[in-house]
Amino acid sequence: MLSYWEKQSLLQYDHIVLGSGIVGLSTAISIKALQPQARVLVLERALLPTGASTKNAGFACIGSLTEILADLQSLPPAAVTALVAKRRQGLQLLRQRLGDTHIGYKEQGSYELLSERELPALEQLHAVNQLLQPVLGGEAFTLANEQIPPFGFNTQYSRALVRNNYEGELHTGRMMRALIDLALEKQVEIKTGCTAVRMEENGAGVQVITQQFSPQEEIVFQCSRLAICTNAFTRALLPELDLQPGRGQVLITDPIPGLPFKGIFHMDEGYFYFRELDGRVLFGGGRNLDFAGEATTTFALTTRIQQELEEKLRTVILPGHAFTIADRWAGIMAFGNSKQPLLQPYTKHIFLGVRMGGMGVAIGSAVGQELAELLVASC
């Protein structure tokens, strides 16, 4: 039951952004940079950002060698270089906006473990380097086989090790904390636990109808422009979109004495990924073991994938090292028939910035900036 005062003064905004993840907050911050006097509201359906922004492994990725080669199977070379450029641009904007110290960013490269069946990828390493050189300014990939023994990986699986010289790592929690703090500093309003159930366009813009449960009633916000940044959860509002959720399951070990490696690592075309974190191993992935089952917005763990993660830890990553699991969780990403994000007007007043393809950390800031420019230019 809303009062006269609430209806008169607390429900009207110039811009509303749905979703308080990387893209949503970046969009709101970018809008305020373009229109400092605009009233901007971010609505988040959960208490904390829900999806992948606070659940990811903290990889600042532009793509491993086998990922790039897989992209080249379905995309022309120019489109692949454009994707890598957007990832690079997004990471640079994130670092510039928040500062490396505040997000725990380190650009020390990454590594990809190649199995026997993936060794043919090395034949194309030089060609991929030439393709990406104009974007990166140097060699993206170099062989690092000499690191396999000191890193302690199983040499029966790890037939080669490829270093990506342009990837980095960050602290996901500190990154999100810094984005939230910057948004608040720019006088962006953020309301959490506020689920948007539908949208209705009118002459003045868009009504965003949200559901409140105590007391149970609908609260209607009004804005001139609406940005939808809900990624994997967008089809709850727009079921016709080319967008499929993809769950990523993760575990993290307790600290492991004498852990022989640091840095971030990819396996199996990026479907598995791991890193050292505070003397622990964070390990995630396995979506390719059950694409249909993992195409879900349900936050849950499955026995099959969790057992596979533990098995790879024992046999490939940490042979000869005892470990215990400290925690497990899952995040929800969004994919589609194209690797490109959906970044476009949906109607005159509603705009989309969704389908990050598992690369939200890398491209989220750039997508948010472009989306803000679309909104402001349309006013």
Protein backbone atom coordinates (compact mmCIF):
# COMPACT_ATOMS: atom_id res chain seq x y z
CA MET A 1 0.00 0.00 0.00
CA LEU A 2 1.82 3.10 -1.25
CA SER A 3 1.26 6.59 0.06
CA TYR A 4 0.57 9.71 -1.97
CA TRP A 5 4.14 10.87 -1.27
CA GLU A 6 5.70 7.65 -2.53
CA LYS A 7 3.67 7.71 -5.73
CA GLN A 8 4.50 11.38 -6.34
CA SER A 9 8.24 11.37 -5.66
CA LEU A 10 9.84 7.93 -5.40
CA LEU A 11 8.80 6.01 -8.51
CA GLN A 12 9.86 8.25 -11.44
CA TYR A 13 13.26 8.02 -13.15
CA ASP A 14 14.93 9.04 -16.39
CA HIS A 15 16.50 5.61 -16.84
CA ILE A 16 15.96 2.24 -15.19
CA VAL A 17 18.43 -0.62 -15.52
CA LEU A 18 17.34 -4.18 -14.77
CA GLY A 19 20.15 -6.25 -13.27
CA SER A 20 22.96 -5.19 -10.94
CA GLY A 21 25.71 -7.37 -12.38
CA ILE A 22 28.74 -6.13 -14.29
CA VAL A 23 26.74 -5.00 -17.33
CA GLY A 24 23.92 -3.39 -15.37
CA LEU A 25 26.17 -1.39 -13.06
CA SER A 26 28.49 -0.45 -15.94
CA THR A 27 25.48 0.79 -17.92
CA ALA A 28 24.24 2.90 -15.02
CA ILE A 29 27.70 4.38 -14.39
CA SER A 30 28.10 5.16 -18.10
CA ILE A 31 24.68 6.85 -18.24
CA LYS A 32 25.67 9.13 -15.35
CA ALA A 33 28.92 9.97 -17.15
CA LEU A 34 26.89 11.07 -20.19
CA GLN A 35 24.01 12.66 -18.27
CA PRO A 36 25.17 13.61 -14.76
CA GLN A 37 21.79 15.06 -13.80
CA ALA A 38 19.76 12.05 -14.90
CA ARG A 39 17.92 10.01 -12.28
CA VAL A 40 19.09 6.43 -12.73
CA LEU A 41 17.71 3.40 -10.91
CA VAL A 42 19.10 -0.15 -10.92
CA LEU A 43 16.67 -2.92 -9.97
CA GLU A 44 18.01 -6.30 -8.80
CA ARG A 45 15.69 -9.22 -8.19
CA ALA A 46 17.86 -10.81 -5.48
CA LEU A 47 19.58 -9.48 -2.39
CA LEU A 48 22.93 -9.79 -4.18
CA PRO A 49 23.59 -9.70 -7.95
CA THR A 50 22.23 -12.96 -9.33
CA GLY A 51 23.75 -14.76 -12.30
CA ALA A 52 27.46 -14.98 -12.98
CA SER A 53 28.88 -11.59 -11.98
CA THR A 54 29.56 -12.62 -8.37
CA LYS A 55 29.96 -16.35 -9.10
CA ASN A 56 32.70 -16.44 -11.74
CA ALA A 57 36.32 -17.55 -11.35
CA GLY A 58 37.85 -14.11 -11.80
CA PHE A 59 39.35 -14.75 -15.22
CA ALA A 60 40.06 -11.66 -17.33
CA CYS A 61 39.82 -13.59 -20.62
CA ILE A 62 40.21 -12.78 -24.27
CA GLY A 63 40.10 -16.45 -25.37
CA SER A 64 42.42 -19.46 -25.28
CA LEU A 65 44.01 -20.89 -28.44
CA THR A 66 41.47 -23.70 -28.80
CA GLU A 67 38.59 -21.31 -28.07
CA ILE A 68 39.78 -18.97 -30.83
CA LEU A 69 40.12 -21.90 -33.23
CA ALA A 70 36.61 -23.09 -32.32
CA ASP A 71 35.28 -19.58 -33.02
CA LEU A 72 36.99 -19.62 -36.41
CA GLN A 73 34.99 -22.73 -37.30
CA SER A 74 31.73 -20.75 -37.14
CA LEU A 75 32.76 -17.12 -37.67
CA PRO A 76 34.78 -15.27 -40.31
CA PRO A 77 38.24 -14.10 -39.18
CA ALA A 78 37.16 -10.45 -39.04
CA ALA A 79 34.35 -11.32 -36.62
CA VAL A 80 36.74 -13.27 -34.40
CA THR A 81 39.22 -10.39 -34.23
CA ALA A 82 36.34 -8.02 -33.45
CA LEU A 83 35.29 -10.25 -30.54
CA VAL A 84 38.82 -10.33 -29.16
CA ALA A 85 39.08 -6.56 -29.57
CA LYS A 86 35.83 -6.05 -27.63
CA ARG A 87 37.09 -8.29 -24.82
CA ARG A 88 40.35 -6.36 -24.68
CA GLN A 89 38.55 -3.03 -24.80
CA GLY A 90 36.17 -4.06 -22.02
CA LEU A 91 38.99 -5.15 -19.73
CA GLN A 92 40.88 -1.92 -20.32
CA LEU A 93 37.77 0.12 -19.51
CA LEU A 94 37.15 -1.92 -16.34
CA ARG A 95 40.74 -1.37 -15.18
CA GLN A 96 40.68 2.33 -16.05
CA ARG A 97 37.37 2.86 -14.30
CA LEU A 98 38.10 0.96 -11.07
CA GLY A 99 41.89 0.72 -10.83
CA ASP A 100 43.93 -2.49 -10.76
CA THR A 101 44.53 -2.34 -7.01
CA HIS A 102 40.84 -2.09 -6.17
CA ILE A 103 39.95 -5.19 -8.19
CA GLY A 104 43.07 -7.24 -7.52
CA TYR A 105 43.95 -7.25 -11.22
CA LYS A 106 47.14 -8.93 -12.39
CA GLU A 107 47.97 -9.36 -16.07
CA GLN A 108 50.47 -12.19 -15.89
CA GLY A 109 49.13 -14.24 -18.76
CA SER A 110 47.35 -17.57 -18.62
CA TYR A 111 48.01 -21.13 -19.73
CA GLU A 112 46.08 -23.76 -21.63
CA LEU A 113 46.71 -27.46 -21.09
CA LEU A 114 46.50 -29.38 -24.35
CA SER A 115 45.69 -33.07 -24.39
CA GLU A 116 46.87 -35.47 -27.09
CA ARG A 117 43.76 -34.93 -29.22
CA GLU A 118 44.24 -31.14 -29.09
CA LEU A 119 47.86 -31.10 -30.28
CA PRO A 120 46.86 -30.30 -33.90
CA ALA A 121 45.93 -26.82 -32.59
CA LEU A 122 49.65 -26.05 -32.36
CA GLU A 123 49.89 -26.21 -36.16
CA GLN A 124 47.71 -23.10 -36.31
CA LEU A 125 49.34 -21.17 -33.48
CA HIS A 126 51.39 -18.96 -35.79
CA ALA A 127 48.39 -18.18 -38.01
CA VAL A 128 46.26 -17.21 -35.01
CA ASN A 129 49.06 -14.98 -33.72
CA GLN A 130 49.17 -13.22 -37.08
CA LEU A 131 45.39 -12.80 -37.07
CA LEU A 132 45.32 -11.23 -33.59
CA GLN A 133 48.52 -9.19 -33.81
CA PRO A 134 46.80 -6.01 -35.08
CA VAL A 135 44.40 -6.17 -32.11
CA LEU A 136 46.88 -7.07 -29.37
CA GLY A 137 50.10 -5.56 -30.68
CA GLY A 138 52.16 -8.70 -30.10
CA GLU A 139 52.14 -12.48 -30.03
CA ALA A 140 49.03 -13.75 -28.30
CA PHE A 141 50.27 -17.33 -27.80
CA THR A 142 53.63 -18.91 -27.08
CA LEU A 143 54.61 -22.46 -26.16
CA ALA A 144 55.52 -23.03 -22.50
CA ASN A 145 56.07 -26.79 -22.35
CA GLU A 146 59.01 -26.34 -19.99
CA GLN A 147 56.54 -25.28 -17.28
CA ILE A 148 54.64 -28.58 -17.22
CA PRO A 149 57.03 -30.41 -14.82
CA PRO A 150 57.44 -27.55 -12.29
CA PHE A 151 53.68 -26.92 -12.30
CA GLY A 152 53.23 -30.59 -11.37
CA PHE A 153 50.57 -31.47 -13.93
CA ASN A 154 50.07 -35.03 -15.15
CA THR A 155 52.31 -35.30 -18.21
CA GLN A 156 50.21 -38.12 -19.64
CA TYR A 157 47.36 -35.66 -20.09
CA SER A 158 49.27 -32.39 -20.50
CA ARG A 159 51.00 -32.97 -23.82
CA ALA A 160 51.61 -29.25 -24.36
CA LEU A 161 51.19 -25.97 -22.51
CA VAL A 162 50.30 -22.79 -24.39
CA ARG A 163 50.72 -19.40 -22.75
CA ASN A 164 48.32 -16.56 -23.52
CA ASN A 165 50.36 -13.40 -23.03
CA TYR A 166 47.38 -11.03 -22.75
CA GLU A 167 45.07 -12.56 -20.16
CA GLY A 168 44.82 -11.64 -16.51
CA GLU A 169 43.12 -12.44 -13.25
CA LEU A 170 41.15 -10.41 -10.74
CA HIS A 171 39.26 -10.72 -7.46
CA THR A 172 35.58 -11.03 -8.39
CA GLY A 173 34.27 -9.88 -5.02
CA ARG A 174 36.45 -6.77 -4.92
CA MET A 175 35.52 -5.95 -8.52
CA MET A 176 31.80 -6.06 -7.73
CA ARG A 177 32.30 -4.12 -4.51
CA ALA A 178 34.17 -1.42 -6.47
CA LEU A 179 31.44 -1.25 -9.14
CA ILE A 180 28.74 -0.88 -6.50
CA ASP A 181 30.71 1.80 -4.67
CA LEU A 182 31.32 3.74 -7.89
CA ALA A 183 27.65 3.55 -8.87
CA LEU A 184 26.61 4.87 -5.46
CA GLU A 185 29.24 7.61 -5.68
CA LYS A 186 27.70 8.67 -9.01
CA GLN A 187 24.31 8.83 -7.25
CA VAL A 188 22.87 5.79 -8.98
CA GLU A 189 20.06 4.28 -6.89
CA ILE A 190 20.17 0.51 -6.39
CA LYS A 191 17.18 -1.41 -5.10
CA THR A 192 17.68 -5.10 -4.35
CA GLY A 193 15.11 -7.82 -3.75
CA CYS A 194 12.96 -6.15 -6.40
CA THR A 195 11.71 -8.46 -9.15
CA ALA A 196 10.50 -6.95 -12.42
CA VAL A 197 7.58 -9.09 -13.59
CA ARG A 198 6.61 -7.22 -16.77
CA MET A 199 7.01 -4.00 -18.74
CA GLU A 200 4.44 -1.77 -20.39
CA GLU A 201 5.29 1.02 -22.83
CA ASN A 202 3.26 4.21 -22.78
CA GLY A 203 3.53 7.68 -24.24
CA ALA A 204 5.98 8.80 -21.58
CA GLY A 205 8.27 5.80 -21.82
CA VAL A 206 8.07 2.53 -19.90
CA GLN A 207 6.30 1.31 -16.81
CA VAL A 208 8.28 -1.36 -14.97
CA ILE A 209 5.98 -3.46 -12.81
CA THR A 210 7.68 -5.10 -9.86
CA GLN A 211 6.39 -7.55 -7.28
CA GLN A 212 6.62 -6.87 -3.57
CA PHE A 213 5.80 -9.69 -1.18
CA SER A 214 5.41 -8.00 2.19
CA PRO A 215 2.78 -6.71 1.85
CA GLN A 216 2.01 -8.50 -1.41
CA GLU A 217 1.41 -5.90 -4.09
CA GLU A 218 2.74 -4.59 -7.37
CA ILE A 219 4.85 -1.44 -7.41
CA VAL A 220 5.08 0.42 -10.72
CA PHE A 221 8.15 2.46 -11.65
CA GLN A 222 8.13 4.88 -14.58
CA CYS A 223 11.11 5.76 -16.79
CA SER A 224 11.87 7.32 -20.14
CA ARG A 225 14.29 4.54 -21.15
CA LEU A 226 14.75 1.00 -19.86
CA ALA A 227 17.94 -1.07 -20.15
CA ILE A 228 17.60 -4.83 -19.70
CA CYS A 229 20.85 -6.32 -18.39
CA THR A 230 19.57 -9.54 -16.84
CA ASN A 231 21.63 -11.85 -19.08
CA ALA A 232 20.58 -15.50 -18.56
CA PHE A 233 17.31 -14.49 -16.87
CA THR A 234 16.10 -12.21 -19.67
CA ARG A 235 13.73 -14.76 -21.20
CA ALA A 236 11.52 -14.49 -18.11
CA LEU A 237 10.59 -11.09 -19.56
CA LEU A 238 11.29 -11.68 -23.28
CA PRO A 239 10.89 -15.40 -24.01
CA GLU A 240 11.38 -15.04 -27.77
CA LEU A 241 15.04 -13.97 -27.58
CA ASP A 242 17.86 -16.14 -28.95
CA LEU A 243 19.32 -16.76 -25.52
CA GLN A 244 20.06 -19.95 -23.59
CA PRO A 245 21.19 -20.12 -19.96
CA GLY A 246 24.33 -22.10 -19.20
CA ARG A 247 25.18 -23.10 -15.64
CA GLY A 248 28.81 -23.16 -14.55
CA GLN A 249 29.66 -25.26 -11.49
CA VAL A 250 32.67 -24.42 -9.33
CA LEU A 251 34.53 -25.80 -6.34
CA ILE A 252 37.42 -24.48 -4.27
CA THR A 253 39.84 -26.46 -2.12
CA ASP A 254 41.21 -25.73 1.29
CA PRO A 255 44.78 -24.32 1.23
CA ILE A 256 47.22 -26.87 -0.22
CA PRO A 257 50.74 -26.84 1.29
CA GLY A 258 53.41 -26.69 -1.40
CA LEU A 259 51.00 -25.95 -4.25
CA PRO A 260 53.40 -25.87 -7.21
CA PHE A 261 51.66 -23.41 -9.53
CA LYS A 262 50.16 -19.92 -9.62
CA GLY A 263 48.11 -18.19 -12.28
CA ILE A 264 45.05 -19.08 -14.34
CA PHE A 265 44.58 -22.08 -16.61
CA HIS A 266 42.20 -23.39 -19.30
CA MET A 267 41.43 -26.94 -20.42
CA ASP A 268 39.19 -28.51 -23.07
CA GLU A 269 38.39 -25.42 -25.19
CA GLY A 270 37.76 -23.41 -22.03
CA TYR A 271 35.01 -25.72 -20.77
CA PHE A 272 37.21 -26.37 -17.72
CA TYR A 273 39.22 -23.67 -15.95
CA PHE A 274 41.22 -23.41 -12.75
CA ARG A 275 43.43 -21.02 -10.84
CA GLU A 276 45.47 -20.65 -7.69
CA LEU A 277 43.72 -18.42 -5.16
CA ASP A 278 45.22 -17.76 -1.71
CA GLY A 279 47.04 -21.10 -1.81
CA ARG A 280 43.85 -22.92 -2.86
CA VAL A 281 42.72 -24.26 -6.22
CA LEU A 282 39.50 -22.90 -7.65
CA PHE A 283 38.24 -25.25 -10.37
CA GLY A 284 35.11 -24.95 -12.47
CA GLY A 285 33.36 -25.95 -15.67
CA GLY A 286 32.07 -29.19 -17.11
CA ARG A 287 29.04 -27.71 -18.88
CA ASN A 288 30.04 -29.70 -21.97
CA LEU A 289 29.38 -32.94 -20.09
CA ASP A 290 25.64 -32.19 -20.07
CA PHE A 291 24.71 -29.25 -22.28
CA ALA A 292 20.98 -29.94 -21.98
CA GLY A 293 21.02 -30.37 -18.20
CA GLU A 294 23.16 -27.27 -17.66
CA ALA A 295 20.91 -25.07 -19.83
CA THR A 296 19.06 -23.97 -16.72
CA THR A 297 18.56 -20.97 -14.46
CA THR A 298 18.47 -23.19 -11.37
CA PHE A 299 21.32 -22.66 -8.93
CA ALA A 300 22.25 -26.22 -8.06
CA LEU A 301 25.11 -28.72 -8.17
CA THR A 302 25.08 -32.07 -9.94
CA THR A 303 26.88 -35.20 -8.80
CA ARG A 304 28.21 -36.01 -12.26
CA ILE A 305 29.96 -32.68 -12.85
CA GLN A 306 31.21 -32.28 -9.28
CA GLN A 307 32.70 -35.78 -9.40
CA GLU A 308 34.38 -34.98 -12.73
CA LEU A 309 35.89 -31.80 -11.27
CA GLU A 310 37.29 -33.74 -8.33
CA GLU A 311 38.60 -36.50 -10.62
CA LYS A 312 40.45 -34.02 -12.84
CA LEU A 313 41.91 -32.39 -9.74
CA ARG A 314 43.24 -35.76 -8.56
CA THR A 315 44.51 -37.10 -11.86
CA VAL A 316 45.48 -34.10 -14.00
CA ILE A 317 46.01 -30.96 -11.91
CA LEU A 318 47.15 -32.18 -8.49
CA PRO A 319 48.57 -35.70 -8.90
CA GLY A 320 50.37 -36.65 -5.71
CA HIS A 321 48.80 -33.83 -3.67
CA ALA A 322 46.16 -34.42 -1.03
CA PHE A 323 43.31 -31.90 -0.98
CA THR A 324 39.94 -31.27 0.61
CA ILE A 325 37.02 -29.30 -0.81
CA ALA A 326 36.16 -26.15 1.12
CA ASP A 327 33.17 -24.89 -0.86
CA ARG A 328 31.07 -25.34 -4.01
CA TRP A 329 28.72 -23.06 -5.94
CA ALA A 330 27.18 -22.41 -9.35
CA GLY A 331 26.68 -19.38 -11.57
CA ILE A 332 24.40 -18.90 -14.56
CA MET A 333 25.75 -17.54 -17.87
CA ALA A 334 23.94 -16.85 -21.16
CA PHE A 335 24.71 -18.09 -24.66
CA GLY A 336 23.13 -17.99 -28.11
CA ASN A 337 23.62 -19.01 -31.70
CA SER A 338 26.05 -16.10 -32.04
CA LYS A 339 29.05 -15.32 -29.87
CA GLN A 340 28.11 -11.65 -30.14
CA PRO A 341 26.17 -10.13 -27.24
CA LEU A 342 22.63 -8.92 -27.82
CA LEU A 343 23.30 -5.18 -27.71
CA GLN A 344 20.49 -3.36 -29.46
CA PRO A 345 17.19 -1.50 -29.19
CA TYR A 346 14.25 -3.79 -28.50
CA THR A 347 11.63 -1.07 -28.90
CA LYS A 348 11.72 2.72 -28.96
CA HIS A 349 12.10 2.89 -25.18
CA ILE A 350 13.58 -0.52 -24.26
CA PHE A 351 17.17 -1.60 -24.92
CA LEU A 352 19.05 -4.88 -24.51
CA GLY A 353 22.52 -5.62 -23.18
CA VAL A 354 22.45 -9.37 -22.60
CA ARG A 355 23.98 -12.73 -23.70
CA MET A 356 27.59 -12.29 -22.63
CA GLY A 357 28.62 -15.80 -23.74
CA GLY A 358 30.56 -16.49 -20.56
CA MET A 359 32.77 -13.43 -21.14
CA GLY A 360 30.98 -10.91 -18.92
CA VAL A 361 34.09 -9.95 -16.95
CA ALA A 362 35.89 -9.09 -20.19
CA ILE A 363 33.15 -7.45 -22.23
CA GLY A 364 30.70 -6.26 -19.58
CA SER A 365 32.12 -2.76 -19.19
CA ALA A 366 32.28 -2.16 -22.94
CA VAL A 367 28.74 -3.48 -23.44
CA GLY A 368 27.51 -1.23 -20.64
CA GLN A 369 29.15 1.81 -22.18
CA GLU A 370 27.71 1.10 -25.64
CA LEU A 371 24.28 0.43 -24.18
CA ALA A 372 24.34 3.72 -22.27
CA GLU A 373 25.26 5.55 -25.48
CA LEU A 374 22.29 3.93 -27.26
CA LEU A 375 19.90 4.97 -24.50
CA VAL A 376 21.09 8.55 -24.28
CA ALA A 377 21.21 9.03 -28.05
CA SER A 378 17.59 7.91 -28.33
CA CYS A 379 16.25 10.50 -25.90
